[in-house]
């Protein structure tokens, strides 16, 4: 199989830390990149979830600042706990819990 060289620049500290993890797995950076690209092709997308932080979502969707987003999150957490204590919410752990 013919190979090509890929050159990229990454943070020195990240390189050292990732090399240590890969070494522990018996891999090197080249093998990892090859595996990651193979999964990218097989899945036709990234092989892991890519999400934005909640604050970023709320800022884009609702125009909230990070501080406003944190306050809304705290309020929702309190309201959820209150509703659960009052028996207005039930925990769903599987399909059987969804039956009427």
PDB file of N, CA and C in Angstrom:
ATOM      1  N   UNK A   1       0.850  -1.166   0.000  1.00  0.00           N
ATOM      2  CA  UNK A   1       0.000   0.000   0.000  1.00  0.00           C
ATOM      3  C   UNK A   1       0.900   1.235   0.000  1.00  0.00           C
ATOM      4  N   UNK A   2       0.610   2.137  -0.916  1.00  0.00           N
ATOM      5  CA  UNK A   2       1.361   3.384  -0.984  1.00  0.00           C
ATOM      6  C   UNK A   2       0.925   4.304   0.152  1.00  0.00           C
ATOM      7  N   UNK A   3       1.864   5.014   0.720  1.00  0.00           N
ATOM      8  CA  UNK A   3       1.537   5.921   1.824  1.00  0.00           C
ATOM      9  C   UNK A   3       1.904   7.343   1.433  1.00  0.00           C
ATOM     10  N   UNK A   4       1.320   8.298   2.153  1.00  0.00           N
ATOM     11  CA  UNK A   4       1.655   9.705   1.980  1.00  0.00           C
ATOM     12  C   UNK A   4       1.996  10.272   3.343  1.00  0.00           C
ATOM     13  N   UNK A   5       2.737  11.341   3.334  1.00  0.00           N
ATOM     14  CA  UNK A   5       3.112  11.986   4.587  1.00  0.00           C
ATOM     15  C   UNK A   5       2.161  13.143   4.847  1.00  0.00           C
ATOM     16  N   UNK A   6       1.679  13.223   6.099  1.00  0.00           N
ATOM     17  CA  UNK A   6       0.850  14.345   6.533  1.00  0.00           C
ATOM     18  C   UNK A   6       1.669  15.142   7.533  1.00  0.00           C
ATOM     19  N   UNK A   7       1.750  16.439   7.336  1.00  0.00           N
ATOM     20  CA  UNK A   7       2.469  17.297   8.275  1.00  0.00           C
ATOM     21  C   UNK A   7       1.467  18.228   8.924  1.00  0.00           C
ATOM     22  N   UNK A   8       1.569  18.346  10.224  1.00  0.00           N
ATOM     23  CA  UNK A   8       0.677  19.241  10.959  1.00  0.00           C
ATOM     24  C   UNK A   8       1.411  19.813  12.158  1.00  0.00           C
ATOM     25  N   UNK A   9       0.880  20.864  12.713  1.00  0.00           N
ATOM     26  CA  UNK A   9       1.464  21.474  13.906  1.00  0.00           C
ATOM     27  C   UNK A   9       0.452  21.378  15.031  1.00  0.00           C
ATOM     28  N   UNK A  10       0.923  20.939  16.207  1.00  0.00           N
ATOM     29  CA  UNK A  10       0.080  20.878  17.395  1.00  0.00           C
ATOM     30  C   UNK A  10       0.883  21.379  18.586  1.00  0.00           C
ATOM     31  N   UNK A  11       0.196  21.677  19.654  1.00  0.00           N
ATOM     32  CA  UNK A  11       0.831  22.149  20.878  1.00  0.00           C
ATOM     33  C   UNK A  11       1.821  21.105  21.395  1.00  0.00           C
ATOM     34  N   UNK A  12       3.001  21.555  21.809  1.00  0.00           N
ATOM     35  CA  UNK A  12       4.060  20.660  22.272  1.00  0.00           C
ATOM     36  C   UNK A  12       3.611  19.801  23.463  1.00  0.00           C
ATOM     37  N   UNK A  13       2.906  20.427  24.410  1.00  0.00           N
ATOM     38  CA  UNK A  13       2.447  19.691  25.594  1.00  0.00           C
ATOM     39  C   UNK A  13       1.433  18.619  25.217  1.00  0.00           C
ATOM     40  N   UNK A  14       0.518  18.968  24.312  1.00  0.00           N
ATOM     41  CA  UNK A  14      -0.464  17.982  23.846  1.00  0.00           C
ATOM     42  C   UNK A  14       0.233  16.802  23.173  1.00  0.00           C
ATOM     43  N   UNK A  15       1.240  17.078  22.385  1.00  0.00           N
ATOM     44  CA  UNK A  15       1.994  16.010  21.705  1.00  0.00           C
ATOM     45  C   UNK A  15       2.639  15.074  22.716  1.00  0.00           C
ATOM     46  N   UNK A  16       3.284  15.638  23.736  1.00  0.00           N
ATOM     47  CA  UNK A  16       3.934  14.805  24.750  1.00  0.00           C
ATOM     48  C   UNK A  16       2.919  13.939  25.490  1.00  0.00           C
ATOM     49  N   UNK A  17       1.808  14.556  25.886  1.00  0.00           N
ATOM     50  CA  UNK A  17       0.792  13.809  26.627  1.00  0.00           C
ATOM     51  C   UNK A  17       0.146  12.732  25.759  1.00  0.00           C
ATOM     52  N   UNK A  18      -0.153  13.062  24.509  1.00  0.00           N
ATOM     53  CA  UNK A  18      -0.785  12.070  23.642  1.00  0.00           C
ATOM     54  C   UNK A  18       0.184  10.936  23.305  1.00  0.00           C
ATOM     55  N   UNK A  19       1.455  11.249  23.119  1.00  0.00           N
ATOM     56  CA  UNK A  19       2.450  10.200  22.862  1.00  0.00           C
ATOM     57  C   UNK A  19       2.523   9.222  24.029  1.00  0.00           C
ATOM     58  N   UNK A  20       2.438   9.740  25.253  1.00  0.00           N
ATOM     59  CA  UNK A  20       2.499   8.872  26.434  1.00  0.00           C
ATOM     60  C   UNK A  20       1.296   7.931  26.474  1.00  0.00           C
ATOM     61  N   UNK A  21       0.122   8.466  26.191  1.00  0.00           N
ATOM     62  CA  UNK A  21      -1.084   7.626  26.177  1.00  0.00           C
ATOM     63  C   UNK A  21      -0.985   6.581  25.072  1.00  0.00           C
ATOM     64  N   UNK A  22      -0.593   7.014  23.887  1.00  0.00           N
ATOM     65  CA  UNK A  22      -0.486   6.081  22.759  1.00  0.00           C
ATOM     66  C   UNK A  22       0.557   4.997  23.028  1.00  0.00           C
ATOM     67  N   UNK A  23       1.686   5.377  23.621  1.00  0.00           N
ATOM     68  CA  UNK A  23       2.731   4.410  23.958  1.00  0.00           C
ATOM     69  C   UNK A  23       2.159   3.333  24.888  1.00  0.00           C
ATOM     70  N   UNK A  24       1.359   3.764  25.853  1.00  0.00           N
ATOM     71  CA  UNK A  24       0.733   2.816  26.776  1.00  0.00           C
ATOM     72  C   UNK A  24      -0.226   1.863  26.081  1.00  0.00           C
ATOM     73  N   UNK A  25      -0.748   2.295  24.959  1.00  0.00           N
ATOM     74  CA  UNK A  25      -1.658   1.444  24.170  1.00  0.00           C
ATOM     75  C   UNK A  25      -0.915   0.651  23.095  1.00  0.00           C
ATOM     76  N   UNK A  26       0.389   0.846  23.031  1.00  0.00           N
ATOM     77  CA  UNK A  26       1.181   0.141  22.017  1.00  0.00           C
ATOM     78  C   UNK A  26       1.049   0.758  20.635  1.00  0.00           C
ATOM     79  N   UNK A  27       0.728   2.047  20.577  1.00  0.00           N
ATOM     80  CA  UNK A  27       0.549   2.729  19.299  1.00  0.00           C
ATOM     81  C   UNK A  27       1.486   3.919  19.209  1.00  0.00           C
ATOM     82  N   UNK A  28       1.589   4.464  18.007  1.00  0.00           N
ATOM     83  CA  UNK A  28       2.275   5.739  17.831  1.00  0.00           C
ATOM     84  C   UNK A  28       1.304   6.700  17.155  1.00  0.00           C
ATOM     85  N   UNK A  29       1.721   7.953  17.005  1.00  0.00           N
ATOM     86  CA  UNK A  29       0.831   8.969  16.451  1.00  0.00           C
ATOM     87  C   UNK A  29       0.383   8.615  15.033  1.00  0.00           C
ATOM     88  N   UNK A  30       1.275   8.070  14.241  1.00  0.00           N
ATOM     89  CA  UNK A  30       0.920   7.694  12.866  1.00  0.00           C
ATOM     90  C   UNK A  30      -0.176   6.635  12.826  1.00  0.00           C
ATOM     91  N   UNK A  31      -0.059   5.624  13.694  1.00  0.00           N
ATOM     92  CA  UNK A  31      -1.077   4.571  13.749  1.00  0.00           C
ATOM     93  C   UNK A  31      -2.414   5.147  14.201  1.00  0.00           C
ATOM     94  N   UNK A  32      -2.364   6.044  15.190  1.00  0.00           N
ATOM     95  CA  UNK A  32      -3.596   6.649  15.687  1.00  0.00           C
ATOM     96  C   UNK A  32      -4.285   7.475  14.603  1.00  0.00           C
ATOM     97  N   UNK A  33      -3.523   8.298  13.904  1.00  0.00           N
ATOM     98  CA  UNK A  33      -4.103   9.122  12.843  1.00  0.00           C
ATOM     99  C   UNK A  33      -4.712   8.230  11.770  1.00  0.00           C
ATOM    100  N   UNK A  34      -4.032   7.164  11.421  1.00  0.00           N
ATOM    101  CA  UNK A  34      -4.567   6.228  10.428  1.00  0.00           C
ATOM    102  C   UNK A  34      -5.875   5.607  10.902  1.00  0.00           C
ATOM    103  N   UNK A  35      -5.918   5.201  12.183  1.00  0.00           N
ATOM    104  CA  UNK A  35      -7.148   4.625  12.744  1.00  0.00           C
ATOM    105  C   UNK A  35      -8.276   5.653  12.744  1.00  0.00           C
ATOM    106  N   UNK A  36      -7.970   6.877  13.157  1.00  0.00           N
ATOM    107  CA  UNK A  36      -8.992   7.924  13.222  1.00  0.00           C
ATOM    108  C   UNK A  36      -9.539   8.238  11.832  1.00  0.00           C
ATOM    109  N   UNK A  37      -8.667   8.322  10.851  1.00  0.00           N
ATOM    110  CA  UNK A  37      -9.120   8.611   9.490  1.00  0.00           C
ATOM    111  C   UNK A  37      -9.922   7.451   8.912  1.00  0.00           C
ATOM    112  N   UNK A  38      -9.541   6.222   9.260  1.00  0.00           N
ATOM    113  CA  UNK A  38     -10.313   5.059   8.813  1.00  0.00           C
ATOM    114  C   UNK A  38     -11.728   5.114   9.381  1.00  0.00           C
ATOM    115  N   UNK A  39     -11.856   5.439  10.662  1.00  0.00           N
ATOM    116  CA  UNK A  39     -13.183   5.560  11.274  1.00  0.00           C
ATOM    117  C   UNK A  39     -13.970   6.714  10.660  1.00  0.00           C
ATOM    118  N   UNK A  40     -13.305   7.815  10.356  1.00  0.00           N
ATOM    119  CA  UNK A  40     -13.955   8.945   9.703  1.00  0.00           C
ATOM    120  C   UNK A  40     -14.575   8.507   8.380  1.00  0.00           C
ATOM    121  N   UNK A  41     -13.828   7.753   7.601  1.00  0.00           N
ATOM    122  CA  UNK A  41     -14.320   7.274   6.305  1.00  0.00           C
ATOM    123  C   UNK A  41     -15.437   6.255   6.502  1.00  0.00           C
ATOM    124  N   UNK A  42     -15.244   5.290   7.394  1.00  0.00           N
ATOM    125  CA  UNK A  42     -16.256   4.248   7.613  1.00  0.00           C
ATOM    126  C   UNK A  42     -17.576   4.811   8.104  1.00  0.00           C
ATOM    127  N   UNK A  43     -17.515   5.783   8.998  1.00  0.00           N
ATOM    128  CA  UNK A  43     -18.733   6.360   9.579  1.00  0.00           C
ATOM    129  C   UNK A  43     -19.273   7.531   8.765  1.00  0.00           C
ATOM    130  N   UNK A  44     -18.451   8.010   7.832  1.00  0.00           N
ATOM    131  CA  UNK A  44     -18.797   9.192   7.050  1.00  0.00           C
ATOM    132  C   UNK A  44     -19.068  10.376   7.965  1.00  0.00           C
ATOM    133  N   UNK A  45     -18.296  10.457   9.029  1.00  0.00           N
ATOM    134  CA  UNK A  45     -18.398  11.534  10.012  1.00  0.00           C
ATOM    135  C   UNK A  45     -17.401  11.290  11.117  1.00  0.00           C
ATOM    136  N   UNK A  46     -17.366  12.191  12.064  1.00  0.00           N
ATOM    137  CA  UNK A  46     -16.435  12.053  13.182  1.00  0.00           C
ATOM    138  C   UNK A  46     -16.821  10.872  14.057  1.00  0.00           C
ATOM    139  N   UNK A  47     -15.843  10.125  14.554  1.00  0.00           N
ATOM    140  CA  UNK A  47     -16.151   8.937  15.370  1.00  0.00           C
ATOM    141  C   UNK A  47     -16.416   9.261  16.837  1.00  0.00           C
ATOM    142  N   UNK A  48     -16.776  10.504  17.127  1.00  0.00           N
ATOM    143  CA  UNK A  48     -17.115  10.914  18.487  1.00  0.00           C
ATOM    144  C   UNK A  48     -18.047  12.108  18.380  1.00  0.00           C
ATOM    145  N   UNK A  49     -18.787  12.348  19.437  1.00  0.00           N
ATOM    146  CA  UNK A  49     -19.738  13.462  19.439  1.00  0.00           C
ATOM    147  C   UNK A  49     -18.999  14.794  19.527  1.00  0.00           C
ATOM    148  N   UNK A  50     -19.433  15.723  18.730  1.00  0.00           N
ATOM    149  CA  UNK A  50     -18.891  17.073  18.791  1.00  0.00           C
ATOM    150  C   UNK A  50     -20.053  17.974  19.182  1.00  0.00           C
ATOM    151  N   UNK A  51     -19.942  18.570  20.348  1.00  0.00           N
ATOM    152  CA  UNK A  51     -21.010  19.424  20.840  1.00  0.00           C
ATOM    153  C   UNK A  51     -20.428  20.737  21.325  1.00  0.00           C
ATOM    154  N   UNK A  52     -21.271  21.725  21.398  1.00  0.00           N
ATOM    155  CA  UNK A  52     -20.814  22.980  21.959  1.00  0.00           C
ATOM    156  C   UNK A  52     -21.235  23.039  23.413  1.00  0.00           C
ATOM    157  N   UNK A  53     -20.515  23.780  24.239  1.00  0.00           N
ATOM    158  CA  UNK A  53     -20.906  23.903  25.639  1.00  0.00           C
ATOM    159  C   UNK A  53     -22.298  24.508  25.754  1.00  0.00           C
ATOM    160  N   UNK A  54     -22.999  24.185  26.830  1.00  0.00           N
ATOM    161  CA  UNK A  54     -24.347  24.717  27.032  1.00  0.00           C
ATOM    162  C   UNK A  54     -24.381  26.232  26.927  1.00  0.00           C
ATOM    163  N   UNK A  55     -23.397  26.895  27.500  1.00  0.00           N
ATOM    164  CA  UNK A  55     -23.378  28.356  27.462  1.00  0.00           C
ATOM    165  C   UNK A  55     -23.335  28.852  26.017  1.00  0.00           C
ATOM    166  N   UNK A  56     -22.564  28.180  25.172  1.00  0.00           N
ATOM    167  CA  UNK A  56     -22.494  28.554  23.757  1.00  0.00           C
ATOM    168  C   UNK A  56     -23.819  28.343  23.051  1.00  0.00           C
ATOM    169  N   UNK A  57     -24.484  27.237  23.371  1.00  0.00           N
ATOM    170  CA  UNK A  57     -25.790  26.951  22.780  1.00  0.00           C
ATOM    171  C   UNK A  57     -26.811  28.002  23.196  1.00  0.00           C
ATOM    172  N   UNK A  58     -26.881  28.274  24.503  1.00  0.00           N
ATOM    173  CA  UNK A  58     -27.862  29.239  24.989  1.00  0.00           C
ATOM    174  C   UNK A  58     -27.576  30.641  24.450  1.00  0.00           C
ATOM    175  N   UNK A  59     -26.311  30.986  24.307  1.00  0.00           N
ATOM    176  CA  UNK A  59     -25.968  32.292  23.758  1.00  0.00           C
ATOM    177  C   UNK A  59     -26.453  32.401  22.312  1.00  0.00           C
ATOM    178  N   UNK A  60     -26.206  31.348  21.520  1.00  0.00           N
ATOM    179  CA  UNK A  60     -26.607  31.365  20.117  1.00  0.00           C
ATOM    180  C   UNK A  60     -28.118  31.258  19.948  1.00  0.00           C
ATOM    181  N   UNK A  61     -28.737  30.406  20.723  1.00  0.00           N
ATOM    182  CA  UNK A  61     -30.165  30.129  20.556  1.00  0.00           C
ATOM    183  C   UNK A  61     -31.059  31.192  21.189  1.00  0.00           C
ATOM    184  N   UNK A  62     -30.678  31.666  22.363  1.00  0.00           N
ATOM    185  CA  UNK A  62     -31.557  32.561  23.119  1.00  0.00           C
ATOM    186  C   UNK A  62     -30.942  33.929  23.419  1.00  0.00           C
ATOM    187  N   UNK A  63     -29.708  34.136  23.023  1.00  0.00           N
ATOM    188  CA  UNK A  63     -29.065  35.415  23.273  1.00  0.00           C
ATOM    189  C   UNK A  63     -28.685  35.631  24.728  1.00  0.00           C
ATOM    190  N   UNK A  64     -28.471  34.542  25.476  1.00  0.00           N
ATOM    191  CA  UNK A  64     -28.123  34.661  26.893  1.00  0.00           C
ATOM    192  C   UNK A  64     -26.613  34.758  27.076  1.00  0.00           C
ATOM    193  N   UNK A  65     -26.205  35.532  28.042  1.00  0.00           N
ATOM    194  CA  UNK A  65     -24.793  35.580  28.411  1.00  0.00           C
ATOM    195  C   UNK A  65     -24.484  34.319  29.229  1.00  0.00           C
ATOM    196  N   UNK A  66     -23.216  33.964  29.399  1.00  0.00           N
ATOM    197  CA  UNK A  66     -22.887  32.810  30.232  1.00  0.00           C
ATOM    198  C   UNK A  66     -23.454  32.933  31.654  1.00  0.00           C
ATOM    199  N   UNK A  67     -23.444  34.133  32.217  1.00  0.00           N
ATOM    200  CA  UNK A  67     -23.984  34.317  33.573  1.00  0.00           C
ATOM    201  C   UNK A  67     -25.495  34.078  33.586  1.00  0.00           C
ATOM    202  N   UNK A  68     -26.191  34.590  32.583  1.00  0.00           N
ATOM    203  CA  UNK A  68     -27.636  34.366  32.500  1.00  0.00           C
ATOM    204  C   UNK A  68     -27.929  32.877  32.302  1.00  0.00           C
ATOM    205  N   UNK A  69     -27.134  32.228  31.469  1.00  0.00           N
ATOM    206  CA  UNK A  69     -27.294  30.798  31.223  1.00  0.00           C
ATOM    207  C   UNK A  69     -27.122  30.003  32.519  1.00  0.00           C
ATOM    208  N   UNK A  70     -26.134  30.378  33.323  1.00  0.00           N
ATOM    209  CA  UNK A  70     -25.893  29.691  34.599  1.00  0.00           C
ATOM    210  C   UNK A  70     -27.070  29.885  35.547  1.00  0.00           C
ATOM    211  N   UNK A  71     -27.632  31.095  35.582  1.00  0.00           N
ATOM    212  CA  UNK A  71     -28.785  31.345  36.451  1.00  0.00           C
ATOM    213  C   UNK A  71     -29.995  30.535  36.010  1.00  0.00           C
ATOM    214  N   UNK A  72     -30.236  30.475  34.705  1.00  0.00           N
ATOM    215  CA  UNK A  72     -31.357  29.691  34.186  1.00  0.00           C
ATOM    216  C   UNK A  72     -31.156  28.218  34.528  1.00  0.00           C
ATOM    217  N   UNK A  73     -29.928  27.709  34.361  1.00  0.00           N
ATOM    218  CA  UNK A  73     -29.637  26.313  34.689  1.00  0.00           C
ATOM    219  C   UNK A  73     -29.888  26.011  36.151  1.00  0.00           C
ATOM    220  N   UNK A  74     -29.477  26.908  37.025  1.00  0.00           N
ATOM    221  CA  UNK A  74     -29.692  26.709  38.463  1.00  0.00           C
ATOM    222  C   UNK A  74     -31.183  26.706  38.790  1.00  0.00           C
ATOM    223  N   UNK A  75     -31.927  27.607  38.163  1.00  0.00           N
ATOM    224  CA  UNK A  75     -33.376  27.664  38.384  1.00  0.00           C
ATOM    225  C   UNK A  75     -34.053  26.379  37.914  1.00  0.00           C
ATOM    226  N   UNK A  76     -33.664  25.910  36.727  1.00  0.00           N
ATOM    227  CA  UNK A  76     -34.256  24.666  36.205  1.00  0.00           C
ATOM    228  C   UNK A  76     -33.936  23.476  37.105  1.00  0.00           C
ATOM    229  N   UNK A  77     -32.718  23.443  37.631  1.00  0.00           N
ATOM    230  CA  UNK A  77     -32.316  22.351  38.527  1.00  0.00           C
ATOM    231  C   UNK A  77     -33.181  22.352  39.785  1.00  0.00           C
ATOM    232  N   UNK A  78     -33.403  23.537  40.359  1.00  0.00           N
ATOM    233  CA  UNK A  78     -34.245  23.648  41.557  1.00  0.00           C
ATOM    234  C   UNK A  78     -35.684  23.245  41.252  1.00  0.00           C
ATOM    235  N   UNK A  79     -36.216  23.710  40.124  1.00  0.00           N
ATOM    236  CA  UNK A  79     -37.604  23.387  39.759  1.00  0.00           C
ATOM    237  C   UNK A  79     -37.770  21.892  39.505  1.00  0.00           C
ATOM    238  N   UNK A  80     -36.775  21.276  38.905  1.00  0.00           N
ATOM    239  CA  UNK A  80     -36.834  19.832  38.655  1.00  0.00           C
ATOM    240  C   UNK A  80     -36.821  19.065  39.970  1.00  0.00           C
ATOM    241  N   UNK A  81     -35.962  19.460  40.899  1.00  0.00           N
ATOM    242  CA  UNK A  81     -35.903  18.800  42.212  1.00  0.00           C
ATOM    243  C   UNK A  81     -37.232  18.956  42.946  1.00  0.00           C
ATOM    244  N   UNK A  82     -37.827  20.155  42.894  1.00  0.00           N
ATOM    245  CA  UNK A  82     -39.111  20.399  43.554  1.00  0.00           C
ATOM    246  C   UNK A  82     -40.206  19.527  42.944  1.00  0.00           C
ATOM    247  N   UNK A  83     -40.246  19.447  41.620  1.00  0.00           N
ATOM    248  CA  UNK A  83     -41.257  18.634  40.943  1.00  0.00           C
ATOM    249  C   UNK A  83     -41.076  17.150  41.258  1.00  0.00           C
ATOM    250  N   UNK A  84     -39.831  16.706  41.356  1.00  0.00           N
ATOM    251  CA  UNK A  84     -39.568  15.302  41.682  1.00  0.00           C
ATOM    252  C   UNK A  84     -40.051  14.986  43.100  1.00  0.00           C
ATOM    253  N   UNK A  85     -39.757  15.881  44.055  1.00  0.00           N
ATOM    254  CA  UNK A  85     -40.218  15.687  45.441  1.00  0.00           C
ATOM    255  C   UNK A  85     -41.741  15.679  45.529  1.00  0.00           C
ATOM    256  N   UNK A  86     -42.388  16.472  44.696  1.00  0.00           N
ATOM    257  CA  UNK A  86     -43.851  16.564  44.722  1.00  0.00           C
ATOM    258  C   UNK A  86     -44.507  15.415  43.964  1.00  0.00           C
ATOM    259  N   UNK A  87     -43.692  14.527  43.390  1.00  0.00           N
ATOM    260  CA  UNK A  87     -44.249  13.394  42.657  1.00  0.00           C
ATOM    261  C   UNK A  87     -44.752  13.754  41.269  1.00  0.00           C
ATOM    262  N   UNK A  88     -44.355  14.899  40.768  1.00  0.00           N
ATOM    263  CA  UNK A  88     -44.790  15.337  39.447  1.00  0.00           C
ATOM    264  C   UNK A  88     -43.874  14.823  38.334  1.00  0.00           C
ATOM    265  N   UNK A  89     -42.737  14.292  38.711  1.00  0.00           N
ATOM    266  CA  UNK A  89     -41.802  13.703  37.746  1.00  0.00           C
ATOM    267  C   UNK A  89     -41.524  12.272  38.165  1.00  0.00           C
ATOM    268  N   UNK A  90     -41.320  11.424  37.188  1.00  0.00           N
ATOM    269  CA  UNK A  90     -40.915  10.063  37.507  1.00  0.00           C
ATOM    270  C   UNK A  90     -39.682   9.729  36.694  1.00  0.00           C
ATOM    271  N   UNK A  91     -38.858   8.882  37.250  1.00  0.00           N
ATOM    272  CA  UNK A  91     -37.615   8.502  36.592  1.00  0.00           C
ATOM    273  C   UNK A  91     -37.893   7.426  35.553  1.00  0.00           C
ATOM    274  N   UNK A  92     -37.315   7.586  34.381  1.00  0.00           N
ATOM    275  CA  UNK A  92     -37.433   6.605  33.319  1.00  0.00           C
ATOM    276  C   UNK A  92     -36.086   5.911  33.192  1.00  0.00           C
ATOM    277  N   UNK A  93     -36.066   4.608  33.496  1.00  0.00           N
ATOM    278  CA  UNK A  93     -34.818   3.854  33.407  1.00  0.00           C
ATOM    279  C   UNK A  93     -34.849   2.831  32.282  1.00  0.00           C
ATOM    280  N   UNK A  94     -36.013   2.661  31.658  1.00  0.00           N
ATOM    281  CA  UNK A  94     -36.132   1.713  30.558  1.00  0.00           C
ATOM    282  C   UNK A  94     -37.507   1.808  29.917  1.00  0.00           C
ATOM    283  N   UNK A  95     -37.730   1.036  28.859  1.00  0.00           N
ATOM    284  CA  UNK A  95     -38.998   1.087  28.118  1.00  0.00           C
ATOM    285  C   UNK A  95     -40.218   0.773  28.981  1.00  0.00           C
ATOM    286  N   UNK A  96     -40.068  -0.107  29.981  1.00  0.00           N
ATOM    287  CA  UNK A  96     -41.199  -0.468  30.813  1.00  0.00           C
ATOM    288  C   UNK A  96     -41.737   0.744  31.584  1.00  0.00           C
ATOM    289  N   UNK A  97     -40.855   1.706  31.890  1.00  0.00           N
ATOM    290  CA  UNK A  97     -41.265   2.903  32.612  1.00  0.00           C
ATOM    291  C   UNK A  97     -42.119   3.843  31.754  1.00  0.00           C
ATOM    292  N   UNK A  98     -42.116   3.636  30.451  1.00  0.00           N
ATOM    293  CA  UNK A  98     -42.870   4.499  29.552  1.00  0.00           C
ATOM    294  C   UNK A  98     -44.301   4.016  29.340  1.00  0.00           C
ATOM    295  N   UNK A  99     -44.597   2.801  29.797  1.00  0.00           N
ATOM    296  CA  UNK A  99     -45.948   2.263  29.634  1.00  0.00           C
ATOM    297  C   UNK A  99     -46.924   3.069  30.482  1.00  0.00           C
ATOM    298  N   UNK A 100     -48.134   3.282  29.965  1.00  0.00           N
ATOM    299  CA  UNK A 100     -49.130   4.066  30.726  1.00  0.00           C
ATOM    300  C   UNK A 100     -49.578   3.351  31.984  1.00  0.00           C
TER     301      UNK A 100
END
